[in-house]
Amino acid sequence: MNKDTLLVLSGGMDSTTMLYEYRDCIAMAVSFNYGSNHNERELECAAYNCQLLGIPHKVINLAFIGENFKSSLLSGADAIPEGDYAIDNIRSTVVPFRNGIMLAIAAGLAESGSLKAIMMANHSGDHAIYPDCRPEFADAMATAIAAGTFEHIKLLTPYTNISKTDIARRGAANGLDFSHTYSCYRGGMVHCGRCATCLERRQALAEAGVTDTTVYEV
């Protein structure tokens, strides 16, 4: 299998599972430092897993997002709401058009590296809350990226219609140690165990029958 794909890698469960599942076709992973509460923890995990798999890893600074955009994810740990993954509760964590910005940069990076495709790990649980994770967004970006590149680079989103639990199963099946991924939107040294992403992580691993080695505050 040719290594001709660029993966947008956050360091969380979803994109790291994709890194492991599609390692044979991934030529490079790119992460973005955009000033979120949990960026530092995520980037550590992204770097660790890329080094473990021998996949080149690039980090691009997008400080302007943290400096100019409005989101509780950019406003410190205390701004993150506690409780379940519900629209009213978690909508404040949306970073406006984050994936659109990152995919545009990934397209330029992929074409500069003579790669044929980009991968993004959006999944079905994101659709209700995050507009730039929905199938119609992915389809529109795929059209724009193909039209805007000489080699008609493809945008691949193989997790679009599967659940977080499905992703947990795939990660475990591909040898991923989930303790080297990070989910908590508060961004502490350990997961808080109270925010929506921590609760979603716990539930997905439990439903998948995967031993949860995550360290939680509660």
N, C-alpha and C. Protein backbone atom coordinates (compact mmCIF):
# COMPACT_ATOMS: atom_id res chain seq x y z
N MET A 1 0.84 -1.20 0.00
CA MET A 1 0.00 0.00 0.00
C MET A 1 0.88 1.25 0.00
N ASN A 2 0.56 2.21 -0.87
CA ASN A 2 1.35 3.43 -0.97
C ASN A 2 1.08 4.36 0.21
N LYS A 3 2.15 4.97 0.70
CA LYS A 3 2.00 5.99 1.74
C LYS A 3 1.81 7.33 1.05
N ASP A 4 0.55 7.70 0.82
CA ASP A 4 0.26 8.88 0.02
C ASP A 4 -0.78 9.79 0.67
N THR A 5 -0.98 9.62 2.00
CA THR A 5 -2.06 10.32 2.69
C THR A 5 -1.54 11.14 3.86
N LEU A 6 -2.12 12.31 4.06
CA LEU A 6 -1.81 13.18 5.19
C LEU A 6 -2.97 13.09 6.19
N LEU A 7 -2.66 12.80 7.44
CA LEU A 7 -3.69 12.72 8.48
C LEU A 7 -3.68 13.97 9.35
N VAL A 8 -4.86 14.57 9.54
CA VAL A 8 -5.00 15.65 10.52
C VAL A 8 -5.15 14.98 11.89
N LEU A 9 -4.14 15.14 12.74
CA LEU A 9 -4.04 14.40 13.99
C LEU A 9 -4.10 15.34 15.18
N SER A 10 -5.12 15.18 16.03
CA SER A 10 -5.21 16.03 17.22
C SER A 10 -4.43 15.45 18.39
N GLY A 11 -4.43 14.11 18.49
CA GLY A 11 -3.88 13.45 19.67
C GLY A 11 -4.98 12.87 20.55
N GLY A 12 -6.24 13.06 20.14
CA GLY A 12 -7.37 12.48 20.84
C GLY A 12 -7.64 11.05 20.39
N MET A 13 -8.71 10.46 20.93
CA MET A 13 -9.03 9.06 20.62
C MET A 13 -9.29 8.81 19.14
N ASP A 14 -10.04 9.69 18.51
CA ASP A 14 -10.53 9.43 17.16
C ASP A 14 -9.42 9.47 16.12
N SER A 15 -8.69 10.57 16.07
CA SER A 15 -7.65 10.70 15.05
C SER A 15 -6.47 9.77 15.34
N THR A 16 -6.22 9.45 16.61
CA THR A 16 -5.13 8.53 16.91
C THR A 16 -5.51 7.11 16.52
N THR A 17 -6.78 6.75 16.70
CA THR A 17 -7.24 5.46 16.18
C THR A 17 -7.06 5.40 14.68
N MET A 18 -7.40 6.47 13.99
CA MET A 18 -7.21 6.51 12.54
C MET A 18 -5.74 6.38 12.17
N LEU A 19 -4.87 7.00 12.95
CA LEU A 19 -3.43 6.88 12.73
C LEU A 19 -3.00 5.41 12.76
N TYR A 20 -3.50 4.68 13.73
CA TYR A 20 -3.13 3.26 13.87
C TYR A 20 -3.80 2.40 12.81
N GLU A 21 -5.08 2.64 12.55
CA GLU A 21 -5.79 1.80 11.59
C GLU A 21 -5.27 1.97 10.17
N TYR A 22 -4.88 3.19 9.82
CA TYR A 22 -4.47 3.47 8.44
C TYR A 22 -2.97 3.77 8.33
N ARG A 23 -2.20 3.26 9.27
CA ARG A 23 -0.76 3.58 9.31
C ARG A 23 -0.03 3.21 8.02
N ASP A 24 -0.52 2.20 7.32
CA ASP A 24 0.19 1.74 6.12
C ASP A 24 0.07 2.70 4.94
N CYS A 25 -0.91 3.62 5.01
CA CYS A 25 -1.05 4.57 3.90
C CYS A 25 -0.77 6.01 4.32
N ILE A 26 -0.45 6.23 5.59
CA ILE A 26 -0.21 7.60 6.07
C ILE A 26 1.26 7.96 5.92
N ALA A 27 1.52 8.97 5.11
CA ALA A 27 2.89 9.44 4.88
C ALA A 27 3.32 10.46 5.93
N MET A 28 2.35 11.20 6.48
CA MET A 28 2.65 12.26 7.44
C MET A 28 1.39 12.58 8.23
N ALA A 29 1.59 13.01 9.47
CA ALA A 29 0.49 13.52 10.28
C ALA A 29 0.78 14.98 10.59
N VAL A 30 -0.27 15.79 10.61
CA VAL A 30 -0.12 17.20 10.94
C VAL A 30 -1.04 17.54 12.10
N SER A 31 -0.48 18.24 13.09
CA SER A 31 -1.25 18.73 14.24
C SER A 31 -1.18 20.24 14.26
N PHE A 32 -2.15 20.85 14.94
CA PHE A 32 -2.24 22.31 14.97
C PHE A 32 -2.25 22.81 16.41
N ASN A 33 -1.41 23.78 16.67
CA ASN A 33 -1.37 24.43 17.98
C ASN A 33 -2.17 25.72 17.86
N TYR A 34 -3.43 25.69 18.34
CA TYR A 34 -4.32 26.82 18.13
C TYR A 34 -4.78 27.48 19.42
N GLY A 35 -4.19 27.07 20.53
CA GLY A 35 -4.46 27.76 21.78
C GLY A 35 -5.58 27.21 22.61
N SER A 36 -6.02 25.98 22.33
CA SER A 36 -7.11 25.41 23.14
C SER A 36 -6.59 24.99 24.51
N ASN A 37 -7.53 24.81 25.43
CA ASN A 37 -7.16 24.41 26.79
C ASN A 37 -6.35 23.13 26.82
N HIS A 38 -6.69 22.20 25.92
CA HIS A 38 -6.07 20.87 25.97
C HIS A 38 -5.03 20.64 24.88
N ASN A 39 -4.66 21.68 24.14
CA ASN A 39 -3.73 21.55 23.04
C ASN A 39 -2.40 20.90 23.45
N GLU A 40 -1.83 21.38 24.55
CA GLU A 40 -0.52 20.88 24.97
C GLU A 40 -0.55 19.38 25.24
N ARG A 41 -1.58 18.94 25.97
CA ARG A 41 -1.70 17.51 26.29
C ARG A 41 -1.91 16.68 25.01
N GLU A 42 -2.76 17.18 24.13
CA GLU A 42 -3.03 16.47 22.87
C GLU A 42 -1.76 16.36 22.02
N LEU A 43 -1.03 17.45 21.90
CA LEU A 43 0.17 17.44 21.06
C LEU A 43 1.22 16.47 21.59
N GLU A 44 1.31 16.35 22.90
CA GLU A 44 2.24 15.37 23.47
C GLU A 44 1.86 13.96 23.03
N CYS A 45 0.57 13.66 23.06
CA CYS A 45 0.10 12.34 22.64
C CYS A 45 0.31 12.11 21.15
N ALA A 46 0.03 13.12 20.35
CA ALA A 46 0.22 13.00 18.91
C ALA A 46 1.68 12.70 18.58
N ALA A 47 2.59 13.44 19.20
CA ALA A 47 4.01 13.24 18.95
C ALA A 47 4.45 11.84 19.39
N TYR A 48 3.96 11.40 20.54
CA TYR A 48 4.33 10.08 21.08
C TYR A 48 3.94 8.97 20.10
N ASN A 49 2.69 9.00 19.64
CA ASN A 49 2.21 7.92 18.78
C ASN A 49 2.84 7.94 17.39
N CYS A 50 3.10 9.12 16.86
CA CYS A 50 3.80 9.20 15.57
C CYS A 50 5.21 8.64 15.68
N GLN A 51 5.89 8.98 16.76
CA GLN A 51 7.24 8.46 16.96
C GLN A 51 7.21 6.94 17.11
N LEU A 52 6.23 6.43 17.84
CA LEU A 52 6.10 4.99 18.05
C LEU A 52 5.89 4.24 16.74
N LEU A 53 5.11 4.84 15.84
CA LEU A 53 4.80 4.19 14.56
C LEU A 53 5.76 4.57 13.44
N GLY A 54 6.67 5.49 13.71
CA GLY A 54 7.62 5.91 12.69
C GLY A 54 7.00 6.75 11.59
N ILE A 55 5.98 7.53 11.94
CA ILE A 55 5.30 8.38 10.97
C ILE A 55 5.73 9.83 11.19
N PRO A 56 6.23 10.51 10.16
CA PRO A 56 6.63 11.92 10.31
C PRO A 56 5.47 12.77 10.83
N HIS A 57 5.80 13.71 11.71
CA HIS A 57 4.78 14.52 12.37
C HIS A 57 5.17 15.99 12.32
N LYS A 58 4.24 16.81 11.86
CA LYS A 58 4.47 18.24 11.77
C LYS A 58 3.46 18.97 12.64
N VAL A 59 3.90 20.00 13.35
CA VAL A 59 3.00 20.85 14.15
C VAL A 59 3.01 22.25 13.55
N ILE A 60 1.84 22.78 13.26
CA ILE A 60 1.70 24.10 12.67
C ILE A 60 1.01 25.03 13.67
N ASN A 61 1.56 26.18 13.87
CA ASN A 61 1.05 27.14 14.83
C ASN A 61 -0.10 27.96 14.23
N LEU A 62 -1.25 27.92 14.90
CA LEU A 62 -2.41 28.72 14.49
C LEU A 62 -2.83 29.60 15.66
N ALA A 63 -1.88 30.33 16.20
CA ALA A 63 -2.15 31.14 17.39
C ALA A 63 -3.26 32.15 17.17
N PHE A 64 -3.47 32.57 15.93
CA PHE A 64 -4.50 33.57 15.65
C PHE A 64 -5.89 33.09 16.06
N ILE A 65 -6.12 31.76 16.06
CA ILE A 65 -7.42 31.24 16.47
C ILE A 65 -7.67 31.54 17.94
N GLY A 66 -6.72 31.19 18.78
CA GLY A 66 -6.86 31.45 20.20
C GLY A 66 -6.94 32.92 20.54
N GLU A 67 -6.31 33.75 19.71
CA GLU A 67 -6.26 35.18 19.97
C GLU A 67 -7.50 35.92 19.49
N ASN A 68 -8.23 35.34 18.54
CA ASN A 68 -9.31 36.08 17.90
C ASN A 68 -10.68 35.42 17.92
N PHE A 69 -10.75 34.13 18.14
CA PHE A 69 -12.02 33.42 18.05
C PHE A 69 -12.64 33.26 19.43
N LYS A 70 -13.94 33.11 19.46
CA LYS A 70 -14.67 32.96 20.72
C LYS A 70 -15.12 31.52 20.92
N SER A 71 -14.68 30.91 22.02
CA SER A 71 -15.07 29.55 22.37
C SER A 71 -14.61 29.28 23.79
N SER A 72 -15.40 28.53 24.56
CA SER A 72 -14.95 28.17 25.90
C SER A 72 -13.72 27.27 25.85
N LEU A 73 -13.52 26.62 24.73
CA LEU A 73 -12.34 25.77 24.57
C LEU A 73 -11.05 26.58 24.50
N LEU A 74 -11.20 27.88 24.28
CA LEU A 74 -10.06 28.79 24.19
C LEU A 74 -9.96 29.71 25.40
N SER A 75 -10.81 29.47 26.40
CA SER A 75 -10.98 30.45 27.48
C SER A 75 -10.60 29.94 28.86
N GLY A 76 -9.87 28.85 28.93
CA GLY A 76 -9.44 28.33 30.22
C GLY A 76 -10.34 27.23 30.75
N ALA A 77 -9.80 26.43 31.69
CA ALA A 77 -10.51 25.26 32.20
C ALA A 77 -11.84 25.60 32.85
N ASP A 78 -11.91 26.72 33.55
CA ASP A 78 -13.13 27.07 34.28
C ASP A 78 -14.31 27.39 33.35
N ALA A 79 -14.02 27.67 32.09
CA ALA A 79 -15.09 28.01 31.13
C ALA A 79 -15.78 26.77 30.58
N ILE A 80 -15.20 25.59 30.79
CA ILE A 80 -15.76 24.36 30.23
C ILE A 80 -16.90 23.85 31.12
N PRO A 81 -18.08 23.64 30.55
CA PRO A 81 -19.21 23.14 31.34
C PRO A 81 -19.03 21.67 31.71
N GLU A 82 -19.64 21.28 32.81
CA GLU A 82 -19.66 19.88 33.21
C GLU A 82 -20.94 19.24 32.70
N GLY A 83 -20.95 17.92 32.62
CA GLY A 83 -22.18 17.22 32.26
C GLY A 83 -22.11 16.57 30.90
N ASP A 84 -23.23 15.97 30.49
CA ASP A 84 -23.28 15.13 29.31
C ASP A 84 -23.08 15.90 28.01
N TYR A 85 -22.86 15.11 26.95
CA TYR A 85 -22.62 15.63 25.62
C TYR A 85 -23.96 16.01 24.98
N ALA A 86 -24.51 17.14 25.38
CA ALA A 86 -25.79 17.62 24.85
C ALA A 86 -25.59 18.99 24.22
N ILE A 87 -26.42 19.32 23.26
CA ILE A 87 -26.22 20.54 22.47
C ILE A 87 -26.16 21.77 23.37
N ASP A 88 -27.11 21.92 24.26
CA ASP A 88 -27.16 23.12 25.09
C ASP A 88 -25.96 23.20 26.03
N ASN A 89 -25.44 22.06 26.40
CA ASN A 89 -24.36 22.02 27.38
C ASN A 89 -22.99 22.24 26.75
N ILE A 90 -22.79 21.72 25.55
CA ILE A 90 -21.44 21.66 24.99
C ILE A 90 -21.23 22.62 23.82
N ARG A 91 -22.29 23.31 23.39
CA ARG A 91 -22.16 24.17 22.21
C ARG A 91 -21.11 25.27 22.40
N SER A 92 -20.90 25.70 23.64
CA SER A 92 -19.92 26.76 23.89
C SER A 92 -18.50 26.34 23.51
N THR A 93 -18.26 25.02 23.37
CA THR A 93 -16.91 24.54 23.06
C THR A 93 -16.60 24.57 21.57
N VAL A 94 -17.58 24.89 20.75
CA VAL A 94 -17.33 24.96 19.30
C VAL A 94 -16.32 26.07 19.01
N VAL A 95 -15.28 25.72 18.25
CA VAL A 95 -14.32 26.71 17.75
C VAL A 95 -14.72 26.99 16.31
N PRO A 96 -15.21 28.19 16.00
CA PRO A 96 -15.82 28.45 14.70
C PRO A 96 -14.94 28.06 13.51
N PHE A 97 -15.47 27.18 12.68
CA PHE A 97 -14.87 26.74 11.41
C PHE A 97 -13.45 26.20 11.57
N ARG A 98 -13.14 25.67 12.74
CA ARG A 98 -11.80 25.13 13.01
C ARG A 98 -11.38 24.10 11.97
N ASN A 99 -12.25 23.13 11.69
CA ASN A 99 -11.86 22.07 10.76
C ASN A 99 -11.69 22.61 9.34
N GLY A 100 -12.49 23.61 8.97
CA GLY A 100 -12.33 24.20 7.65
C GLY A 100 -10.95 24.84 7.49
N ILE A 101 -10.53 25.56 8.51
CA ILE A 101 -9.22 26.21 8.48
C ILE A 101 -8.11 25.16 8.42
N MET A 102 -8.22 24.15 9.27
CA MET A 102 -7.18 23.13 9.32
C MET A 102 -7.11 22.32 8.03
N LEU A 103 -8.26 22.01 7.45
CA LEU A 103 -8.27 21.24 6.21
C LEU A 103 -7.71 22.05 5.04
N ALA A 104 -7.97 23.35 5.03
CA ALA A 104 -7.40 24.20 3.97
C ALA A 104 -5.88 24.17 4.02
N ILE A 105 -5.33 24.26 5.24
CA ILE A 105 -3.88 24.20 5.39
C ILE A 105 -3.36 22.81 5.03
N ALA A 106 -4.08 21.78 5.47
CA ALA A 106 -3.68 20.41 5.15
C ALA A 106 -3.66 20.18 3.64
N ALA A 107 -4.60 20.78 2.92
CA ALA A 107 -4.62 20.63 1.46
C ALA A 107 -3.37 21.21 0.83
N GLY A 108 -2.97 22.40 1.30
CA GLY A 108 -1.74 23.01 0.78
C GLY A 108 -0.51 22.19 1.14
N LEU A 109 -0.50 21.66 2.35
CA LEU A 109 0.62 20.84 2.79
C LEU A 109 0.69 19.54 1.99
N ALA A 110 -0.46 18.93 1.76
CA ALA A 110 -0.49 17.68 0.99
C ALA A 110 -0.02 17.90 -0.44
N GLU A 111 -0.50 18.96 -1.07
CA GLU A 111 -0.07 19.20 -2.45
C GLU A 111 1.41 19.54 -2.51
N SER A 112 1.91 20.27 -1.52
CA SER A 112 3.33 20.59 -1.48
C SER A 112 4.19 19.33 -1.32
N GLY A 113 3.63 18.31 -0.68
CA GLY A 113 4.35 17.06 -0.46
C GLY A 113 4.02 15.97 -1.47
N SER A 114 3.31 16.34 -2.53
CA SER A 114 2.94 15.39 -3.60
C SER A 114 2.12 14.21 -3.06
N LEU A 115 1.26 14.50 -2.08
CA LEU A 115 0.39 13.47 -1.54
C LEU A 115 -0.96 13.51 -2.24
N LYS A 116 -1.70 12.41 -2.13
CA LYS A 116 -2.93 12.28 -2.90
C LYS A 116 -4.20 12.46 -2.09
N ALA A 117 -4.08 12.40 -0.76
CA ALA A 117 -5.31 12.43 0.05
C ALA A 117 -5.04 13.03 1.42
N ILE A 118 -6.13 13.50 2.05
CA ILE A 118 -6.13 13.99 3.43
C ILE A 118 -7.16 13.16 4.19
N MET A 119 -6.87 12.85 5.44
CA MET A 119 -7.84 12.14 6.28
C MET A 119 -8.21 12.98 7.49
N MET A 120 -9.50 12.94 7.85
CA MET A 120 -10.00 13.62 9.04
C MET A 120 -10.89 12.65 9.81
N ALA A 121 -10.82 12.68 11.15
CA ALA A 121 -11.50 11.67 11.97
C ALA A 121 -12.78 12.18 12.62
N ASN A 122 -13.63 12.87 11.89
CA ASN A 122 -14.95 13.21 12.42
C ASN A 122 -15.80 11.95 12.52
N HIS A 123 -16.75 11.92 13.47
CA HIS A 123 -17.59 10.74 13.63
C HIS A 123 -19.03 11.16 13.91
N SER A 124 -19.93 10.17 13.95
CA SER A 124 -21.36 10.47 13.99
C SER A 124 -21.79 11.21 15.26
N GLY A 125 -21.09 11.00 16.37
CA GLY A 125 -21.46 11.68 17.61
C GLY A 125 -21.20 13.17 17.60
N ASP A 126 -20.42 13.63 16.63
CA ASP A 126 -20.10 15.06 16.52
C ASP A 126 -21.14 15.85 15.74
N HIS A 127 -21.98 15.17 14.97
CA HIS A 127 -22.80 15.86 13.96
C HIS A 127 -23.77 16.87 14.55
N ALA A 128 -24.40 16.54 15.66
CA ALA A 128 -25.44 17.41 16.20
C ALA A 128 -24.88 18.73 16.71
N ILE A 129 -23.65 18.73 17.17
CA ILE A 129 -23.09 19.90 17.85
C ILE A 129 -22.13 20.68 16.98
N TYR A 130 -21.28 19.99 16.24
CA TYR A 130 -20.19 20.65 15.51
C TYR A 130 -20.49 20.71 14.01
N PRO A 131 -20.81 21.88 13.47
CA PRO A 131 -21.15 21.99 12.05
C PRO A 131 -20.05 21.51 11.12
N ASP A 132 -18.78 21.72 11.54
CA ASP A 132 -17.67 21.35 10.66
C ASP A 132 -17.21 19.91 10.87
N CYS A 133 -18.11 19.08 11.39
CA CYS A 133 -17.90 17.64 11.46
C CYS A 133 -18.98 16.87 10.70
N ARG A 134 -19.96 17.59 10.20
CA ARG A 134 -21.13 16.95 9.59
C ARG A 134 -20.81 16.45 8.17
N PRO A 135 -21.55 15.43 7.70
CA PRO A 135 -21.30 14.90 6.35
C PRO A 135 -21.38 15.95 5.26
N GLU A 136 -22.35 16.87 5.36
CA GLU A 136 -22.47 17.88 4.30
C GLU A 136 -21.26 18.82 4.27
N PHE A 137 -20.68 19.10 5.45
CA PHE A 137 -19.46 19.90 5.49
C PHE A 137 -18.32 19.13 4.84
N ALA A 138 -18.15 17.86 5.21
CA ALA A 138 -17.07 17.05 4.66
C ALA A 138 -17.20 16.93 3.14
N ASP A 139 -18.42 16.76 2.66
CA ASP A 139 -18.65 16.66 1.21
C ASP A 139 -18.28 17.96 0.51
N ALA A 140 -18.69 19.09 1.11
CA ALA A 140 -18.38 20.39 0.51
C ALA A 140 -16.88 20.67 0.50
N MET A 141 -16.20 20.34 1.60
CA MET A 141 -14.75 20.54 1.66
C MET A 141 -14.04 19.61 0.69
N ALA A 142 -14.53 18.39 0.55
CA ALA A 142 -13.92 17.46 -0.41
C ALA A 142 -13.99 18.02 -1.82
N THR A 143 -15.14 18.60 -2.16
CA THR A 143 -15.30 19.21 -3.49
C THR A 143 -14.35 20.38 -3.66
N ALA A 144 -14.26 21.24 -2.64
CA ALA A 144 -13.39 22.42 -2.73
C ALA A 144 -11.91 22.03 -2.83
N ILE A 145 -11.50 21.06 -2.02
CA ILE A 145 -10.10 20.64 -2.03
C ILE A 145 -9.73 20.01 -3.37
N ALA A 146 -10.59 19.16 -3.90
CA ALA A 146 -10.31 18.54 -5.20
C ALA A 146 -10.25 19.60 -6.30
N ALA A 147 -11.18 20.57 -6.25
CA ALA A 147 -11.21 21.61 -7.28
C ALA A 147 -10.05 22.58 -7.16
N GLY A 148 -9.54 22.75 -5.95
CA GLY A 148 -8.51 23.76 -5.71
C GLY A 148 -7.09 23.25 -5.73
N THR A 149 -6.89 21.99 -6.11
CA THR A 149 -5.54 21.42 -6.17
C THR A 149 -5.31 20.81 -7.55
N PHE A 150 -4.08 20.91 -8.04
CA PHE A 150 -3.76 20.40 -9.37
C PHE A 150 -4.00 18.89 -9.49
N GLU A 151 -3.68 18.18 -8.41
CA GLU A 151 -3.80 16.72 -8.44
C GLU A 151 -5.14 16.23 -7.89
N HIS A 152 -6.08 17.16 -7.66
CA HIS A 152 -7.42 16.80 -7.19
C HIS A 152 -7.34 15.93 -5.93
N ILE A 153 -6.70 16.49 -4.92
CA ILE A 153 -6.51 15.77 -3.66
C ILE A 153 -7.86 15.39 -3.05
N LYS A 154 -7.92 14.17 -2.53
CA LYS A 154 -9.15 13.66 -1.95
C LYS A 154 -9.20 13.93 -0.45
N LEU A 155 -10.38 14.20 0.05
CA LEU A 155 -10.62 14.26 1.49
C LEU A 155 -11.33 12.98 1.89
N LEU A 156 -10.72 12.21 2.79
CA LEU A 156 -11.26 10.93 3.22
C LEU A 156 -11.73 11.04 4.67
N THR A 157 -12.97 10.64 4.92
CA THR A 157 -13.54 10.72 6.27
C THR A 157 -14.22 9.39 6.61
N PRO A 158 -13.44 8.32 6.78
CA PRO A 158 -14.03 6.99 6.94
C PRO A 158 -14.79 6.76 8.23
N TYR A 159 -14.67 7.67 9.21
CA TYR A 159 -15.39 7.50 10.48
C TYR A 159 -16.67 8.33 10.54
N THR A 160 -17.02 9.01 9.48
CA THR A 160 -18.16 9.94 9.50
C THR A 160 -19.44 9.32 10.05
N ASN A 161 -19.71 8.09 9.69
CA ASN A 161 -20.99 7.48 10.06
C ASN A 161 -20.87 6.40 11.12
N ILE A 162 -19.76 6.38 11.87
CA ILE A 162 -19.64 5.41 12.95
C ILE A 162 -19.57 6.14 14.29
N SER A 163 -19.76 5.40 15.36
CA SER A 163 -19.84 6.01 16.70
C SER A 163 -18.49 6.02 17.40
N LYS A 164 -18.44 6.74 18.50
CA LYS A 164 -17.24 6.77 19.34
C LYS A 164 -16.94 5.37 19.88
N THR A 165 -17.98 4.60 20.19
CA THR A 165 -17.78 3.23 20.65
C THR A 165 -17.14 2.38 19.56
N ASP A 166 -17.59 2.54 18.32
CA ASP A 166 -16.98 1.83 17.20
C ASP A 166 -15.50 2.20 17.07
N ILE A 167 -15.20 3.47 17.26
CA ILE A 167 -13.82 3.93 17.17
C ILE A 167 -12.98 3.30 18.27
N ALA A 168 -13.53 3.22 19.49
CA ALA A 168 -12.81 2.59 20.59
C ALA A 168 -12.49 1.13 20.25
N ARG A 169 -13.44 0.44 19.66
CA ARG A 169 -13.19 -0.96 19.26
C ARG A 169 -12.08 -1.04 18.22
N ARG A 170 -12.11 -0.16 17.25
CA ARG A 170 -11.10 -0.18 16.19
C ARG A 170 -9.72 0.15 16.75
N GLY A 171 -9.66 1.12 17.64
CA GLY A 171 -8.38 1.47 18.24
C GLY A 171 -7.78 0.30 18.98
N ALA A 172 -8.59 -0.36 19.79
CA ALA A 172 -8.11 -1.52 20.56
C ALA A 172 -7.67 -2.64 19.62
N ALA A 173 -8.43 -2.87 18.56
CA ALA A 173 -8.09 -3.94 17.62
C ALA A 173 -6.78 -3.67 16.89
N ASN A 174 -6.41 -2.39 16.77
CA ASN A 174 -5.19 -2.01 16.06
C ASN A 174 -4.02 -1.72 17.00
N GLY A 175 -4.18 -2.08 18.28
CA GLY A 175 -3.06 -2.00 19.21
C GLY A 175 -2.83 -0.66 19.85
N LEU A 176 -3.82 0.23 19.80
CA LEU A 176 -3.66 1.55 20.42
C LEU A 176 -3.81 1.47 21.93
N ASP A 177 -2.86 2.03 22.65
CA ASP A 177 -2.96 2.19 24.09
C ASP A 177 -3.62 3.54 24.34
N PHE A 178 -4.88 3.52 24.75
CA PHE A 178 -5.64 4.76 24.88
C PHE A 178 -5.13 5.68 25.97
N SER A 179 -4.27 5.17 26.85
CA SER A 179 -3.69 6.05 27.86
C SER A 179 -2.76 7.08 27.24
N HIS A 180 -2.37 6.85 25.97
CA HIS A 180 -1.55 7.82 25.24
C HIS A 180 -2.40 8.61 24.25
N THR A 181 -3.66 8.84 24.62
CA THR A 181 -4.54 9.78 23.91
C THR A 181 -5.13 10.71 24.96
N TYR A 182 -5.63 11.85 24.52
CA TYR A 182 -6.14 12.83 25.47
C TYR A 182 -7.47 13.40 24.98
N SER A 183 -8.45 13.53 25.90
CA SER A 183 -9.78 14.00 25.53
C SER A 183 -10.29 15.19 26.32
N CYS A 184 -9.83 15.40 27.53
CA CYS A 184 -10.45 16.35 28.44
C CYS A 184 -10.35 17.80 27.95
N TYR A 185 -11.50 18.47 27.86
CA TYR A 185 -11.52 19.86 27.38
C TYR A 185 -10.99 20.86 28.41
N ARG A 186 -10.79 20.42 29.63
CA ARG A 186 -10.22 21.33 30.64
C ARG A 186 -8.70 21.43 30.52
N GLY A 187 -8.07 20.38 30.02
CA GLY A 187 -6.65 20.44 29.71
C GLY A 187 -5.70 20.22 30.86
N GLY A 188 -6.16 19.59 31.94
CA GLY A 188 -5.29 19.33 33.08
C GLY A 188 -4.30 18.20 32.82
N MET A 189 -3.41 17.98 33.79
CA MET A 189 -2.42 16.92 33.65
C MET A 189 -3.10 15.55 33.58
N VAL A 190 -4.25 15.41 34.25
CA VAL A 190 -5.06 14.20 34.11
C VAL A 190 -6.47 14.63 33.70
N HIS A 191 -7.25 13.68 33.20
CA HIS A 191 -8.61 13.97 32.78
C HIS A 191 -9.48 14.34 33.99
N CYS A 192 -10.34 15.34 33.83
CA CYS A 192 -11.15 15.79 34.97
C CYS A 192 -12.22 14.76 35.34
N GLY A 193 -12.73 14.04 34.33
CA GLY A 193 -13.77 13.04 34.60
C GLY A 193 -15.17 13.61 34.69
N ARG A 194 -15.32 14.93 34.52
CA ARG A 194 -16.63 15.57 34.69
C ARG A 194 -17.15 16.26 33.42
N CYS A 195 -16.27 16.68 32.55
CA CYS A 195 -16.72 17.39 31.34
C CYS A 195 -17.28 16.39 30.33
N ALA A 196 -17.96 16.91 29.32
CA ALA A 196 -18.65 16.04 28.37
C ALA A 196 -17.71 15.10 27.63
N THR A 197 -16.52 15.59 27.28
CA THR A 197 -15.61 14.74 26.53
C THR A 197 -15.04 13.62 27.39
N CYS A 198 -14.84 13.88 28.68
CA CYS A 198 -14.42 12.82 29.59
C CYS A 198 -15.52 11.77 29.74
N LEU A 199 -16.76 12.23 29.90
CA LEU A 199 -17.88 11.30 30.05
C LEU A 199 -18.08 10.48 28.79
N GLU A 200 -17.94 11.12 27.63
CA GLU A 200 -18.08 10.42 26.35
C GLU A 200 -16.97 9.38 26.19
N ARG A 201 -15.76 9.73 26.59
CA ARG A 201 -14.62 8.81 26.51
C ARG A 201 -14.87 7.57 27.37
N ARG A 202 -15.27 7.80 28.62
CA ARG A 202 -15.54 6.70 29.53
C ARG A 202 -16.62 5.76 28.97
N GLN A 203 -17.69 6.36 28.47
CA GLN A 203 -18.80 5.57 27.96
C GLN A 203 -18.38 4.75 26.74
N ALA A 204 -17.65 5.35 25.82
CA ALA A 204 -17.24 4.65 24.60
C ALA A 204 -16.33 3.46 24.92
N LEU A 205 -15.37 3.67 25.80
CA LEU A 205 -14.47 2.58 26.16
C LEU A 205 -15.22 1.46 26.88
N ALA A 206 -16.14 1.84 27.77
CA ALA A 206 -16.92 0.83 28.49
C ALA A 206 -17.79 0.03 27.54
N GLU A 207 -18.49 0.72 26.64
CA GLU A 207 -19.38 0.03 25.70
C GLU A 207 -18.60 -0.86 24.74
N ALA A 208 -17.36 -0.46 24.45
CA ALA A 208 -16.52 -1.24 23.54
C ALA A 208 -15.85 -2.42 24.25
N GLY A 209 -15.98 -2.46 25.58
CA GLY A 209 -15.34 -3.53 26.33
C GLY A 209 -13.84 -3.38 26.43
N VAL A 210 -13.37 -2.13 26.36
CA VAL A 210 -11.94 -1.84 26.43
C VAL A 210 -11.60 -1.35 27.83
N THR A 211 -10.60 -1.94 28.46
CA THR A 211 -10.18 -1.50 29.78
C THR A 211 -9.75 -0.05 29.73
N ASP A 212 -10.34 0.77 30.59
CA ASP A 212 -10.05 2.20 30.61
C ASP A 212 -8.89 2.48 31.55
N THR A 213 -7.72 2.76 30.97
CA THR A 213 -6.53 3.05 31.77
C THR A 213 -6.32 4.55 31.97
N THR A 214 -7.31 5.35 31.56
CA THR A 214 -7.23 6.81 31.74
C THR A 214 -7.19 7.16 33.22
N VAL A 215 -6.38 8.13 33.57
CA VAL A 215 -6.36 8.65 34.93
C VAL A 215 -7.34 9.82 35.00
N TYR A 216 -8.34 9.71 35.87
CA TYR A 216 -9.35 10.75 36.05
C TYR A 216 -9.24 11.35 37.46
N GLU A 217 -9.60 12.63 37.57
CA GLU A 217 -9.67 13.24 38.89
C GLU A 217 -10.79 12.64 39.73
N VAL A 218 -11.93 12.38 39.07
CA VAL A 218 -13.08 11.79 39.76
C VAL A 218 -13.66 10.67 38.89
